[in-house]
Amino acid sequence: MRIGYQYIALIIAGLTAMAWGLPAAHRLKFPFDIAAAVAVLCGVVVFTLGVLLTFVPGFF
């Protein structure tokens, strides 16, 4: 089984976005908390995509 390292990078990027965005969405003031919440949502999508592509290579 060959693991794509770019997919591992997607997983790490998604986790990083979620780890930064969750506390930032509660800490930041009004216009910036929306951007942090969107970063969390994008992190979830990127993390899920990375996991799918890593463990189910023929998914797409």
Protein backbone atom coordinates (compact mmCIF):
# COMPACT_ATOMS: atom_id res chain seq x y z
CA MET A 1 0.00 0.00 0.00
CA ARG A 2 1.42 3.31 -1.08
CA ILE A 3 0.55 6.33 1.05
CA GLY A 4 0.51 9.74 -0.63
CA TYR A 5 2.33 12.25 1.51
CA GLN A 6 0.30 15.09 0.03
CA TYR A 7 -2.78 13.48 1.59
CA ILE A 8 -1.06 13.38 4.97
CA ALA A 9 -0.39 17.10 4.47
CA LEU A 10 -4.14 17.62 3.92
CA ILE A 11 -4.87 15.88 7.22
CA ILE A 12 -2.33 18.02 9.07
CA ALA A 13 -3.62 21.23 7.45
CA GLY A 14 -7.19 20.37 8.39
CA LEU A 15 -6.27 19.64 11.98
CA THR A 16 -4.29 22.87 12.17
CA ALA A 17 -7.20 24.93 10.86
CA MET A 18 -9.56 23.33 13.35
CA ALA A 19 -7.15 23.74 16.25
CA TRP A 20 -6.67 27.44 15.47
CA GLY A 21 -10.25 28.24 14.51
CA LEU A 22 -12.21 26.76 17.40
CA PRO A 23 -10.70 28.93 20.15
CA ALA A 24 -10.34 31.91 17.81
CA ALA A 25 -14.03 31.87 16.94
CA HIS A 26 -14.84 32.48 20.61
CA ARG A 27 -11.96 34.85 21.33
CA LEU A 28 -12.10 37.29 18.40
CA LYS A 29 -14.46 40.22 17.93
CA PHE A 30 -17.42 40.30 15.52
CA PRO A 31 -16.11 40.46 11.95
CA PHE A 32 -13.12 38.21 12.61
CA ASP A 33 -14.98 35.44 14.44
CA ILE A 34 -16.85 34.66 11.23
CA ALA A 35 -13.56 34.10 9.40
CA ALA A 36 -12.38 31.80 12.18
CA ALA A 37 -15.60 29.79 12.00
CA VAL A 38 -15.22 29.47 8.23
CA ALA A 39 -11.63 28.30 8.78
CA VAL A 40 -12.95 25.56 11.08
CA LEU A 41 -15.47 24.47 8.46
CA CYS A 42 -12.78 24.39 5.76
CA GLY A 43 -10.53 22.47 8.14
CA VAL A 44 -13.19 19.82 8.63
CA VAL A 45 -13.66 19.48 4.87
CA VAL A 46 -9.90 19.30 4.18
CA PHE A 47 -9.35 16.82 7.01
CA THR A 48 -12.16 14.57 5.78
CA LEU A 49 -10.87 14.74 2.22
CA GLY A 50 -7.35 13.84 3.39
CA VAL A 51 -8.58 10.88 5.41
CA LEU A 52 -10.70 9.59 2.53
CA LEU A 53 -7.89 9.89 0.01
CA THR A 54 -5.38 8.28 2.36
CA PHE A 55 -7.37 5.26 3.44
CA VAL A 56 -9.73 4.78 0.46
CA PRO A 57 -7.50 5.55 -2.56
CA GLY A 58 -10.15 4.86 -5.20
CA PHE A 59 -12.84 6.97 -3.55
CA PHE A 60 -12.95 9.62 -6.27
